[in-house]
């Protein structure tokens, strides 16, 4: 079994893992990112990028790319609860409640006081490929999709992790000072006894 040594092992190649990779690269820190899937997600997930998120993305030069394609606050200033999105029945299409939201409408000036970066609405299934592109550009040999964390153990020097290359079915060991669990609570958390609350798989 081959072995590699890096300062940081990042487990998970979604939004958090890829952003972690970008930030590590910005600080000149070598790392090894593994993601068990062969591509970024193709399933609907999160979509709202709050002001703090956009500040972080501005710091690494990505915010403008998102503002070019994302929905601005002025176009998402209200959240509305309705009985249905269609139909011509007696109870269809009724508005139950409307709420100012997401820093749009009357909230725009309030939100502008908090940050120079407005929020944006950009679906995660589109954001992840953009983040992957930026992560691979900064650290082309550090991003590894199709590789899965099999096991890990912590010792006095950090973490020893066994990773499976799902293409070749070969395993290798990663020695890292730190391991970042950016896997959505699916692998590392349960192993450490960290549990998620609420319904899953919805």
N, C-alpha and C. Protein backbone atom coordinates (compact mmCIF):
# COMPACT_ATOMS: atom_id res chain seq x y z
N UNK A 1 0.84 -1.18 0.00
CA UNK A 1 0.00 0.00 0.00
C UNK A 1 0.89 1.24 0.00
N UNK A 2 0.62 2.15 -0.94
CA UNK A 2 1.42 3.36 -1.02
C UNK A 2 1.01 4.33 0.08
N UNK A 3 1.89 5.29 0.36
CA UNK A 3 1.63 6.26 1.42
C UNK A 3 1.99 7.66 0.93
N UNK A 4 1.21 8.63 1.37
CA UNK A 4 1.54 10.03 1.12
C UNK A 4 1.43 10.79 2.43
N UNK A 5 2.17 11.88 2.52
CA UNK A 5 2.14 12.72 3.71
C UNK A 5 1.83 14.16 3.29
N UNK A 6 0.80 14.73 3.88
CA UNK A 6 0.41 16.11 3.60
C UNK A 6 0.01 16.78 4.91
N UNK A 7 0.05 18.10 4.96
CA UNK A 7 -0.40 18.78 6.18
C UNK A 7 -1.89 18.57 6.46
N UNK A 8 -2.73 18.59 5.37
CA UNK A 8 -4.18 18.53 5.57
C UNK A 8 -4.83 17.55 4.61
N UNK A 9 -5.68 16.68 5.14
CA UNK A 9 -6.54 15.82 4.34
C UNK A 9 -7.95 16.39 4.40
N UNK A 10 -8.55 16.64 3.25
CA UNK A 10 -9.93 17.14 3.19
C UNK A 10 -10.82 16.00 2.69
N UNK A 11 -11.81 15.64 3.47
CA UNK A 11 -12.72 14.56 3.09
C UNK A 11 -14.03 15.18 2.64
N UNK A 12 -14.32 15.10 1.35
CA UNK A 12 -15.55 15.66 0.79
C UNK A 12 -15.25 16.73 -0.23
N UNK A 13 -15.87 16.59 -1.41
CA UNK A 13 -15.64 17.54 -2.50
C UNK A 13 -16.89 18.31 -2.89
N UNK A 14 -17.71 18.63 -1.89
CA UNK A 14 -18.86 19.51 -2.13
C UNK A 14 -18.45 20.95 -1.92
N UNK A 15 -19.43 21.80 -1.64
CA UNK A 15 -19.14 23.22 -1.48
C UNK A 15 -18.14 23.52 -0.38
N UNK A 16 -18.30 22.90 0.78
CA UNK A 16 -17.39 23.17 1.90
C UNK A 16 -15.99 22.63 1.64
N UNK A 17 -15.90 21.40 1.15
CA UNK A 17 -14.58 20.81 0.89
C UNK A 17 -13.80 21.56 -0.17
N UNK A 18 -14.48 21.92 -1.26
CA UNK A 18 -13.80 22.64 -2.34
C UNK A 18 -13.39 24.04 -1.90
N UNK A 19 -14.24 24.70 -1.12
CA UNK A 19 -13.88 26.02 -0.60
C UNK A 19 -12.70 25.90 0.36
N UNK A 20 -12.68 24.86 1.18
CA UNK A 20 -11.54 24.62 2.06
C UNK A 20 -10.26 24.46 1.25
N UNK A 21 -10.33 23.70 0.17
CA UNK A 21 -9.16 23.51 -0.70
C UNK A 21 -8.68 24.85 -1.26
N UNK A 22 -9.61 25.66 -1.72
CA UNK A 22 -9.25 26.97 -2.28
C UNK A 22 -8.57 27.83 -1.22
N UNK A 23 -9.12 27.86 -0.02
CA UNK A 23 -8.54 28.67 1.06
C UNK A 23 -7.17 28.15 1.47
N UNK A 24 -7.00 26.83 1.53
CA UNK A 24 -5.69 26.27 1.85
C UNK A 24 -4.67 26.66 0.78
N UNK A 25 -5.07 26.58 -0.47
CA UNK A 25 -4.16 26.97 -1.56
C UNK A 25 -3.78 28.44 -1.47
N UNK A 26 -4.75 29.28 -1.12
CA UNK A 26 -4.48 30.71 -0.97
C UNK A 26 -3.41 30.97 0.08
N UNK A 27 -3.35 30.10 1.09
CA UNK A 27 -2.36 30.26 2.16
C UNK A 27 -1.12 29.40 1.94
N UNK A 28 -1.02 28.77 0.77
CA UNK A 28 0.16 27.98 0.45
C UNK A 28 0.28 26.69 1.23
N UNK A 29 -0.84 26.14 1.67
CA UNK A 29 -0.82 24.91 2.47
C UNK A 29 -1.15 23.71 1.58
N UNK A 30 -0.23 22.77 1.51
CA UNK A 30 -0.44 21.57 0.71
C UNK A 30 -1.55 20.72 1.34
N UNK A 31 -2.33 20.06 0.51
CA UNK A 31 -3.44 19.26 1.02
C UNK A 31 -3.82 18.19 0.00
N UNK A 32 -4.69 17.30 0.44
CA UNK A 32 -5.14 16.18 -0.39
C UNK A 32 -6.64 16.06 -0.17
N UNK A 33 -7.44 16.36 -1.20
CA UNK A 33 -8.89 16.29 -1.09
C UNK A 33 -9.39 15.01 -1.74
N UNK A 34 -10.26 14.27 -1.03
CA UNK A 34 -10.87 13.07 -1.60
C UNK A 34 -12.39 13.20 -1.57
N UNK A 35 -13.01 12.78 -2.65
CA UNK A 35 -14.47 12.79 -2.79
C UNK A 35 -14.89 11.47 -3.40
N UNK A 36 -15.79 10.75 -2.75
CA UNK A 36 -16.13 9.40 -3.21
C UNK A 36 -16.87 9.38 -4.54
N UNK A 37 -17.61 10.42 -4.85
CA UNK A 37 -18.28 10.48 -6.15
C UNK A 37 -17.30 10.91 -7.23
N UNK A 38 -17.61 10.55 -8.46
CA UNK A 38 -16.70 10.89 -9.57
C UNK A 38 -16.94 12.29 -10.11
N UNK A 39 -18.02 12.93 -9.70
CA UNK A 39 -18.30 14.28 -10.17
C UNK A 39 -18.97 15.06 -9.05
N UNK A 40 -19.14 16.34 -9.28
CA UNK A 40 -19.88 17.15 -8.32
C UNK A 40 -21.35 16.72 -8.35
N UNK A 41 -22.11 17.18 -7.39
CA UNK A 41 -23.50 16.73 -7.24
C UNK A 41 -24.37 17.13 -8.43
N UNK A 42 -25.29 16.25 -8.77
CA UNK A 42 -26.28 16.55 -9.81
C UNK A 42 -27.69 16.61 -9.23
N UNK A 43 -27.78 16.55 -7.90
CA UNK A 43 -29.08 16.59 -7.23
C UNK A 43 -29.34 17.98 -6.65
N UNK A 44 -30.60 18.42 -6.63
CA UNK A 44 -30.92 19.73 -6.05
C UNK A 44 -30.51 19.79 -4.58
N UNK A 45 -29.87 20.88 -4.21
CA UNK A 45 -29.45 21.06 -2.82
C UNK A 45 -29.68 22.52 -2.43
N UNK A 46 -28.74 23.08 -1.70
CA UNK A 46 -28.86 24.47 -1.24
C UNK A 46 -28.74 25.44 -2.42
N UNK A 47 -29.14 26.69 -2.18
CA UNK A 47 -29.08 27.67 -3.26
C UNK A 47 -28.73 29.07 -2.78
N UNK A 48 -28.96 29.38 -1.52
CA UNK A 48 -28.77 30.75 -1.03
C UNK A 48 -27.35 30.93 -0.49
N UNK A 49 -26.67 31.96 -0.97
CA UNK A 49 -25.31 32.29 -0.52
C UNK A 49 -25.41 33.60 0.27
N UNK A 50 -25.26 33.50 1.58
CA UNK A 50 -25.44 34.70 2.41
C UNK A 50 -24.24 35.65 2.29
N UNK A 51 -24.35 36.77 2.96
CA UNK A 51 -23.33 37.81 2.82
C UNK A 51 -21.96 37.34 3.28
N UNK A 52 -21.90 36.60 4.38
CA UNK A 52 -20.59 36.14 4.86
C UNK A 52 -19.96 35.18 3.87
N UNK A 53 -20.76 34.30 3.30
CA UNK A 53 -20.25 33.39 2.27
C UNK A 53 -19.68 34.17 1.10
N UNK A 54 -20.39 35.20 0.67
CA UNK A 54 -19.91 35.99 -0.47
C UNK A 54 -18.66 36.78 -0.11
N UNK A 55 -18.52 37.18 1.16
CA UNK A 55 -17.28 37.83 1.59
C UNK A 55 -16.09 36.89 1.46
N UNK A 56 -16.28 35.65 1.88
CA UNK A 56 -15.20 34.65 1.77
C UNK A 56 -14.87 34.41 0.30
N UNK A 57 -15.89 34.28 -0.54
CA UNK A 57 -15.66 34.03 -1.96
C UNK A 57 -15.03 35.25 -2.65
N UNK A 58 -15.35 36.43 -2.16
CA UNK A 58 -14.69 37.63 -2.70
C UNK A 58 -13.21 37.63 -2.35
N UNK A 59 -12.91 37.18 -1.14
CA UNK A 59 -11.53 37.14 -0.66
C UNK A 59 -10.65 36.28 -1.58
N UNK A 60 -11.23 35.24 -2.17
CA UNK A 60 -10.45 34.35 -3.05
C UNK A 60 -10.74 34.59 -4.53
N UNK A 61 -11.42 35.70 -4.83
CA UNK A 61 -11.60 36.11 -6.22
C UNK A 61 -12.68 35.37 -6.99
N UNK A 62 -13.68 34.83 -6.30
CA UNK A 62 -14.72 34.06 -6.99
C UNK A 62 -16.07 34.77 -6.98
N UNK A 63 -16.27 35.70 -6.08
CA UNK A 63 -17.59 36.33 -5.90
C UNK A 63 -18.13 36.93 -7.19
N UNK A 64 -17.29 37.64 -7.95
CA UNK A 64 -17.78 38.29 -9.16
C UNK A 64 -18.32 37.29 -10.17
N UNK A 65 -17.70 36.11 -10.24
CA UNK A 65 -18.19 35.06 -11.15
C UNK A 65 -19.60 34.63 -10.77
N UNK A 66 -19.88 34.62 -9.47
CA UNK A 66 -21.21 34.21 -9.00
C UNK A 66 -22.22 35.34 -9.21
N UNK A 67 -21.80 36.57 -8.94
CA UNK A 67 -22.72 37.69 -9.15
C UNK A 67 -23.15 37.79 -10.62
N UNK A 68 -22.28 37.40 -11.53
CA UNK A 68 -22.62 37.47 -12.96
C UNK A 68 -23.76 36.54 -13.33
N UNK A 69 -23.88 35.41 -12.64
CA UNK A 69 -24.87 34.40 -13.02
C UNK A 69 -25.94 34.15 -11.96
N UNK A 70 -25.70 34.58 -10.72
CA UNK A 70 -26.66 34.32 -9.64
C UNK A 70 -27.79 35.33 -9.62
N UNK A 71 -28.81 35.02 -8.87
CA UNK A 71 -29.95 35.92 -8.70
C UNK A 71 -29.62 36.97 -7.65
N UNK A 72 -29.76 38.27 -7.98
CA UNK A 72 -29.45 39.32 -6.99
C UNK A 72 -30.59 39.47 -5.98
N UNK A 73 -30.29 40.06 -4.81
CA UNK A 73 -31.32 40.24 -3.78
C UNK A 73 -32.57 40.95 -4.27
N UNK A 74 -32.43 41.90 -5.18
CA UNK A 74 -33.61 42.65 -5.63
C UNK A 74 -34.64 41.75 -6.32
N UNK A 75 -34.17 40.60 -6.82
CA UNK A 75 -35.09 39.68 -7.49
C UNK A 75 -35.57 38.55 -6.58
N UNK A 76 -35.19 38.59 -5.31
CA UNK A 76 -35.66 37.55 -4.37
C UNK A 76 -36.01 38.18 -3.03
N UNK A 77 -36.63 39.34 -3.08
CA UNK A 77 -36.91 40.11 -1.87
C UNK A 77 -38.10 39.65 -1.07
N UNK A 78 -38.85 38.69 -1.58
CA UNK A 78 -40.01 38.20 -0.83
C UNK A 78 -40.05 36.68 -0.86
N UNK A 79 -40.45 36.12 0.26
CA UNK A 79 -40.75 34.69 0.34
C UNK A 79 -42.25 34.57 0.53
N UNK A 80 -42.86 33.71 -0.27
CA UNK A 80 -44.32 33.59 -0.23
C UNK A 80 -44.71 32.13 -0.01
N UNK A 81 -45.64 31.91 0.90
CA UNK A 81 -46.20 30.58 1.11
C UNK A 81 -47.56 30.53 0.43
N UNK A 82 -47.74 29.57 -0.46
CA UNK A 82 -49.00 29.45 -1.20
C UNK A 82 -49.53 28.03 -1.09
N UNK A 83 -50.82 27.89 -1.33
CA UNK A 83 -51.43 26.56 -1.23
C UNK A 83 -51.00 25.65 -2.37
N UNK A 84 -50.68 26.23 -3.53
CA UNK A 84 -50.21 25.44 -4.67
C UNK A 84 -49.61 26.38 -5.69
N UNK A 85 -48.87 25.82 -6.62
CA UNK A 85 -48.27 26.62 -7.68
C UNK A 85 -49.11 26.60 -8.95
N UNK A 86 -50.17 25.85 -8.94
CA UNK A 86 -51.03 25.78 -10.12
C UNK A 86 -52.38 25.21 -9.75
N UNK A 87 -53.16 24.96 -10.76
CA UNK A 87 -54.49 24.41 -10.55
C UNK A 87 -55.54 25.50 -10.51
N UNK A 88 -56.78 25.09 -10.75
CA UNK A 88 -57.86 26.07 -10.77
C UNK A 88 -58.95 25.74 -9.75
N UNK A 89 -58.57 24.95 -8.75
CA UNK A 89 -59.52 24.62 -7.69
C UNK A 89 -59.72 25.77 -6.73
N UNK A 90 -60.73 25.63 -5.91
CA UNK A 90 -61.08 26.70 -4.97
C UNK A 90 -59.95 27.08 -4.03
N UNK A 91 -59.12 26.09 -3.64
CA UNK A 91 -58.03 26.36 -2.70
C UNK A 91 -56.67 26.52 -3.39
N UNK A 92 -56.62 26.42 -4.69
CA UNK A 92 -55.35 26.53 -5.40
C UNK A 92 -54.89 27.98 -5.52
N UNK A 93 -53.57 28.16 -5.44
CA UNK A 93 -52.97 29.47 -5.70
C UNK A 93 -53.23 30.53 -4.65
N UNK A 94 -53.69 30.14 -3.49
CA UNK A 94 -53.93 31.13 -2.44
C UNK A 94 -52.63 31.45 -1.71
N UNK A 95 -52.39 32.73 -1.48
CA UNK A 95 -51.23 33.16 -0.70
C UNK A 95 -51.59 33.09 0.78
N UNK A 96 -50.79 32.32 1.53
CA UNK A 96 -51.01 32.20 2.96
C UNK A 96 -50.25 33.26 3.75
N UNK A 97 -49.03 33.57 3.28
CA UNK A 97 -48.21 34.54 3.99
C UNK A 97 -47.08 35.01 3.08
N UNK A 98 -46.71 36.26 3.20
CA UNK A 98 -45.59 36.82 2.44
C UNK A 98 -44.64 37.50 3.42
N UNK A 99 -43.34 37.29 3.20
CA UNK A 99 -42.33 37.80 4.12
C UNK A 99 -41.20 38.45 3.34
N UNK A 100 -40.78 39.65 3.77
CA UNK A 100 -39.59 40.27 3.19
C UNK A 100 -38.39 39.38 3.54
N UNK A 101 -37.50 39.15 2.59
CA UNK A 101 -36.42 38.20 2.87
C UNK A 101 -35.20 38.41 2.00
N UNK A 102 -34.12 37.74 2.36
CA UNK A 102 -32.89 37.63 1.58
C UNK A 102 -32.23 38.96 1.23
N UNK A 103 -32.53 40.00 2.00
CA UNK A 103 -31.87 41.27 1.75
C UNK A 103 -32.39 42.02 0.54
N UNK A 104 -33.56 41.67 0.09
CA UNK A 104 -34.15 42.36 -1.05
C UNK A 104 -35.27 43.28 -0.59
N UNK A 105 -35.86 43.99 -1.53
CA UNK A 105 -36.98 44.87 -1.21
C UNK A 105 -36.61 45.89 -0.15
N UNK A 106 -37.47 46.03 0.86
CA UNK A 106 -37.25 47.02 1.91
C UNK A 106 -36.05 46.69 2.79
N UNK A 107 -35.56 45.45 2.73
CA UNK A 107 -34.42 45.05 3.57
C UNK A 107 -33.06 45.39 2.95
N UNK A 108 -33.07 45.84 1.71
CA UNK A 108 -31.80 46.04 1.00
C UNK A 108 -30.86 46.99 1.72
N UNK A 109 -31.36 48.12 2.19
CA UNK A 109 -30.49 49.10 2.87
C UNK A 109 -30.00 48.56 4.21
N UNK A 110 -30.83 47.79 4.91
CA UNK A 110 -30.42 47.18 6.18
C UNK A 110 -29.26 46.21 5.97
N UNK A 111 -29.39 45.37 4.98
CA UNK A 111 -28.35 44.38 4.70
C UNK A 111 -27.06 45.05 4.22
N UNK A 112 -27.20 46.15 3.48
CA UNK A 112 -26.02 46.84 2.94
C UNK A 112 -25.14 47.40 4.06
N UNK A 113 -25.74 47.71 5.21
CA UNK A 113 -24.97 48.21 6.36
C UNK A 113 -24.07 47.11 6.91
N UNK A 114 -24.51 45.88 6.82
CA UNK A 114 -23.78 44.75 7.42
C UNK A 114 -22.57 44.31 6.61
N UNK A 115 -22.60 44.50 5.30
CA UNK A 115 -21.52 43.98 4.47
C UNK A 115 -21.50 44.67 3.12
N UNK A 116 -20.30 44.83 2.54
CA UNK A 116 -20.23 45.37 1.19
C UNK A 116 -20.62 44.33 0.14
N UNK A 117 -20.78 43.08 0.57
CA UNK A 117 -21.10 41.99 -0.36
C UNK A 117 -22.57 41.60 -0.23
N UNK A 118 -23.36 41.85 -1.27
CA UNK A 118 -24.74 41.37 -1.21
C UNK A 118 -24.79 39.85 -1.30
N UNK A 119 -25.88 39.30 -0.83
CA UNK A 119 -26.07 37.86 -0.96
C UNK A 119 -26.37 37.51 -2.42
N UNK A 120 -26.45 36.23 -2.70
CA UNK A 120 -26.79 35.78 -4.05
C UNK A 120 -27.54 34.46 -3.95
N UNK A 121 -28.21 34.13 -5.01
CA UNK A 121 -28.93 32.87 -5.10
C UNK A 121 -28.38 32.11 -6.30
N UNK A 122 -27.63 31.05 -6.02
CA UNK A 122 -27.00 30.28 -7.10
C UNK A 122 -27.01 28.82 -6.69
N UNK A 123 -27.75 27.97 -7.38
CA UNK A 123 -27.91 26.57 -6.95
C UNK A 123 -26.58 25.84 -6.77
N UNK A 124 -26.54 25.02 -5.74
CA UNK A 124 -25.32 24.28 -5.42
C UNK A 124 -24.86 23.38 -6.57
N UNK A 125 -25.81 22.84 -7.34
CA UNK A 125 -25.41 21.97 -8.46
C UNK A 125 -24.67 22.75 -9.54
N UNK A 126 -24.80 24.08 -9.54
CA UNK A 126 -24.02 24.91 -10.47
C UNK A 126 -22.79 25.50 -9.78
N UNK A 127 -22.92 25.75 -8.48
CA UNK A 127 -21.80 26.33 -7.72
C UNK A 127 -20.64 25.35 -7.60
N UNK A 128 -20.94 24.08 -7.31
CA UNK A 128 -19.87 23.11 -7.08
C UNK A 128 -18.92 22.97 -8.28
N UNK A 129 -19.41 22.87 -9.53
CA UNK A 129 -18.47 22.80 -10.65
C UNK A 129 -17.58 24.04 -10.76
N UNK A 130 -18.14 25.21 -10.43
CA UNK A 130 -17.35 26.45 -10.45
C UNK A 130 -16.26 26.40 -9.39
N UNK A 131 -16.61 25.95 -8.18
CA UNK A 131 -15.62 25.82 -7.11
C UNK A 131 -14.57 24.78 -7.46
N UNK A 132 -15.00 23.68 -8.06
CA UNK A 132 -14.04 22.63 -8.44
C UNK A 132 -13.03 23.17 -9.45
N UNK A 133 -13.53 23.93 -10.41
CA UNK A 133 -12.63 24.53 -11.41
C UNK A 133 -11.58 25.41 -10.75
N UNK A 134 -12.01 26.24 -9.81
CA UNK A 134 -11.07 27.13 -9.12
C UNK A 134 -10.11 26.34 -8.23
N UNK A 135 -10.62 25.30 -7.56
CA UNK A 135 -9.76 24.49 -6.69
C UNK A 135 -8.70 23.76 -7.50
N UNK A 136 -9.10 23.18 -8.63
CA UNK A 136 -8.15 22.44 -9.46
C UNK A 136 -7.13 23.36 -10.13
N UNK A 137 -7.55 24.58 -10.42
CA UNK A 137 -6.62 25.54 -11.01
C UNK A 137 -5.52 25.91 -10.02
N UNK A 138 -5.89 26.04 -8.75
CA UNK A 138 -4.93 26.42 -7.71
C UNK A 138 -4.07 25.24 -7.25
N UNK A 139 -4.64 24.05 -7.25
CA UNK A 139 -3.91 22.87 -6.75
C UNK A 139 -4.27 21.66 -7.62
N UNK A 140 -3.77 21.63 -8.85
CA UNK A 140 -4.19 20.59 -9.81
C UNK A 140 -3.92 19.16 -9.37
N UNK A 141 -2.95 18.94 -8.52
CA UNK A 141 -2.62 17.57 -8.10
C UNK A 141 -3.22 17.21 -6.74
N UNK A 142 -4.08 18.06 -6.22
CA UNK A 142 -4.60 17.86 -4.86
C UNK A 142 -6.06 17.44 -4.80
N UNK A 143 -6.79 17.55 -5.90
CA UNK A 143 -8.22 17.29 -5.91
C UNK A 143 -8.47 15.92 -6.54
N UNK A 144 -9.07 15.01 -5.76
CA UNK A 144 -9.22 13.62 -6.22
C UNK A 144 -10.66 13.14 -6.05
N UNK A 145 -11.41 13.19 -7.14
CA UNK A 145 -12.76 12.65 -7.13
C UNK A 145 -12.68 11.15 -7.42
N UNK A 146 -13.69 10.40 -6.97
CA UNK A 146 -13.68 8.95 -7.14
C UNK A 146 -12.80 8.25 -6.12
N UNK A 147 -12.52 8.93 -5.01
CA UNK A 147 -11.72 8.33 -3.94
C UNK A 147 -12.47 8.46 -2.62
N UNK A 148 -12.49 7.37 -1.88
CA UNK A 148 -13.34 7.29 -0.70
C UNK A 148 -12.54 6.99 0.56
N UNK A 149 -12.84 7.73 1.61
CA UNK A 149 -12.24 7.45 2.92
C UNK A 149 -12.79 6.13 3.43
N UNK A 150 -11.88 5.19 3.73
CA UNK A 150 -12.28 3.88 4.22
C UNK A 150 -12.21 3.83 5.75
N UNK A 151 -11.13 4.34 6.30
CA UNK A 151 -10.95 4.34 7.75
C UNK A 151 -9.92 5.39 8.12
N UNK A 152 -9.89 5.73 9.40
CA UNK A 152 -8.87 6.67 9.88
C UNK A 152 -8.66 6.44 11.36
N UNK A 153 -7.50 6.86 11.82
CA UNK A 153 -7.22 6.85 13.25
C UNK A 153 -6.32 8.02 13.59
N UNK A 154 -6.54 8.56 14.76
CA UNK A 154 -5.77 9.71 15.21
C UNK A 154 -4.66 9.23 16.13
N UNK A 155 -3.49 9.86 15.98
CA UNK A 155 -2.39 9.56 16.89
C UNK A 155 -1.74 10.87 17.31
N UNK A 156 -0.61 10.80 17.96
CA UNK A 156 0.05 12.00 18.47
C UNK A 156 0.53 12.95 17.39
N UNK A 157 0.69 12.44 16.17
CA UNK A 157 1.19 13.27 15.06
C UNK A 157 0.09 13.78 14.15
N UNK A 158 -1.13 13.34 14.35
CA UNK A 158 -2.22 13.75 13.47
C UNK A 158 -3.15 12.61 13.15
N UNK A 159 -3.36 12.37 11.86
CA UNK A 159 -4.32 11.37 11.40
C UNK A 159 -3.68 10.47 10.37
N UNK A 160 -3.97 9.18 10.47
CA UNK A 160 -3.62 8.23 9.41
C UNK A 160 -4.93 7.74 8.81
N UNK A 161 -5.10 7.94 7.51
CA UNK A 161 -6.35 7.58 6.86
C UNK A 161 -6.08 6.62 5.70
N UNK A 162 -6.97 5.67 5.54
CA UNK A 162 -6.90 4.75 4.40
C UNK A 162 -7.94 5.20 3.38
N UNK A 163 -7.49 5.39 2.14
CA UNK A 163 -8.35 5.90 1.07
C UNK A 163 -8.42 4.86 -0.04
N UNK A 164 -9.62 4.66 -0.58
CA UNK A 164 -9.84 3.73 -1.68
C UNK A 164 -9.99 4.50 -2.98
N UNK A 165 -9.19 4.13 -3.99
CA UNK A 165 -9.39 4.64 -5.34
C UNK A 165 -10.47 3.77 -5.96
N UNK A 166 -11.65 4.31 -6.17
CA UNK A 166 -12.79 3.50 -6.62
C UNK A 166 -12.64 3.02 -8.05
N UNK A 167 -11.75 3.64 -8.80
CA UNK A 167 -11.51 3.22 -10.18
C UNK A 167 -10.62 1.98 -10.22
N UNK A 168 -9.51 2.03 -9.50
CA UNK A 168 -8.55 0.91 -9.52
C UNK A 168 -8.80 -0.10 -8.41
N UNK A 169 -9.63 0.27 -7.43
CA UNK A 169 -9.90 -0.56 -6.24
C UNK A 169 -8.66 -0.75 -5.37
N UNK A 170 -7.67 0.12 -5.54
CA UNK A 170 -6.47 0.07 -4.71
C UNK A 170 -6.61 1.08 -3.57
N UNK A 171 -6.01 0.73 -2.43
CA UNK A 171 -6.04 1.64 -1.29
C UNK A 171 -4.65 2.22 -1.05
N UNK A 172 -4.63 3.37 -0.41
CA UNK A 172 -3.37 3.99 -0.01
C UNK A 172 -3.58 4.71 1.31
N UNK A 173 -2.49 5.02 1.97
CA UNK A 173 -2.55 5.67 3.29
C UNK A 173 -2.15 7.13 3.18
N UNK A 174 -2.92 7.97 3.82
CA UNK A 174 -2.61 9.40 3.88
C UNK A 174 -2.24 9.73 5.33
N UNK A 175 -1.05 10.28 5.53
CA UNK A 175 -0.63 10.79 6.83
C UNK A 175 -0.82 12.31 6.80
N UNK A 176 -1.63 12.84 7.69
CA UNK A 176 -1.89 14.28 7.71
C UNK A 176 -1.89 14.80 9.14
N UNK A 177 -1.46 16.05 9.29
CA UNK A 177 -1.53 16.67 10.61
C UNK A 177 -2.98 16.96 10.99
N UNK A 178 -3.78 17.30 9.99
CA UNK A 178 -5.17 17.64 10.22
C UNK A 178 -6.05 16.97 9.17
N UNK A 179 -7.29 16.63 9.57
CA UNK A 179 -8.28 16.13 8.64
C UNK A 179 -9.53 16.99 8.76
N UNK A 180 -10.00 17.51 7.64
CA UNK A 180 -11.21 18.32 7.61
C UNK A 180 -12.36 17.43 7.14
N UNK A 181 -13.38 17.31 7.96
CA UNK A 181 -14.55 16.50 7.61
C UNK A 181 -15.57 17.38 6.91
N UNK A 182 -15.55 17.37 5.58
CA UNK A 182 -16.49 18.16 4.78
C UNK A 182 -17.37 17.23 3.96
N UNK A 183 -17.78 16.16 4.59
CA UNK A 183 -18.51 15.09 3.91
C UNK A 183 -19.99 15.06 4.25
N UNK A 184 -20.50 16.17 4.76
CA UNK A 184 -21.92 16.23 5.09
C UNK A 184 -22.34 15.33 6.23
N UNK A 185 -21.40 15.01 7.10
CA UNK A 185 -21.71 14.18 8.26
C UNK A 185 -21.93 12.72 7.95
N UNK A 186 -21.45 12.27 6.79
CA UNK A 186 -21.73 10.89 6.37
C UNK A 186 -20.68 9.87 6.79
N UNK A 187 -19.42 10.29 6.93
CA UNK A 187 -18.35 9.33 7.17
C UNK A 187 -17.63 9.58 8.48
N UNK A 188 -17.02 10.75 8.57
CA UNK A 188 -16.17 11.05 9.73
C UNK A 188 -16.99 11.20 11.00
N UNK A 189 -18.09 11.95 10.93
CA UNK A 189 -18.91 12.19 12.11
C UNK A 189 -19.35 10.94 12.84
N UNK A 190 -20.03 10.02 12.14
CA UNK A 190 -20.47 8.79 12.82
C UNK A 190 -19.32 8.01 13.44
N UNK A 191 -18.17 8.01 12.79
CA UNK A 191 -17.01 7.29 13.32
C UNK A 191 -16.54 7.88 14.64
N UNK A 192 -16.74 9.20 14.79
CA UNK A 192 -16.33 9.89 16.02
C UNK A 192 -17.46 9.98 17.04
N UNK A 193 -18.61 9.42 16.70
CA UNK A 193 -19.75 9.48 17.62
C UNK A 193 -20.55 10.75 17.51
N UNK A 194 -20.32 11.52 16.45
CA UNK A 194 -21.08 12.75 16.23
C UNK A 194 -22.32 12.39 15.41
N UNK A 195 -23.49 12.70 15.93
CA UNK A 195 -24.72 12.32 15.24
C UNK A 195 -25.45 13.55 14.71
N UNK A 196 -26.23 13.33 13.67
CA UNK A 196 -27.05 14.38 13.08
C UNK A 196 -28.45 14.31 13.69
N UNK A 197 -29.09 15.46 13.81
CA UNK A 197 -30.46 15.49 14.30
C UNK A 197 -31.40 15.84 13.17
N UNK A 198 -32.61 15.32 13.24
CA UNK A 198 -33.62 15.63 12.24
C UNK A 198 -33.69 14.59 11.15
N UNK A 199 -34.69 14.73 10.27
CA UNK A 199 -34.88 13.74 9.20
C UNK A 199 -33.76 13.80 8.17
N UNK A 200 -33.45 12.66 7.58
CA UNK A 200 -32.44 12.58 6.53
C UNK A 200 -33.05 11.97 5.28
N UNK A 201 -32.34 12.08 4.18
CA UNK A 201 -32.79 11.46 2.94
C UNK A 201 -34.06 12.07 2.38
N UNK A 202 -34.29 13.36 2.65
CA UNK A 202 -35.51 13.98 2.13
C UNK A 202 -35.22 14.76 0.87
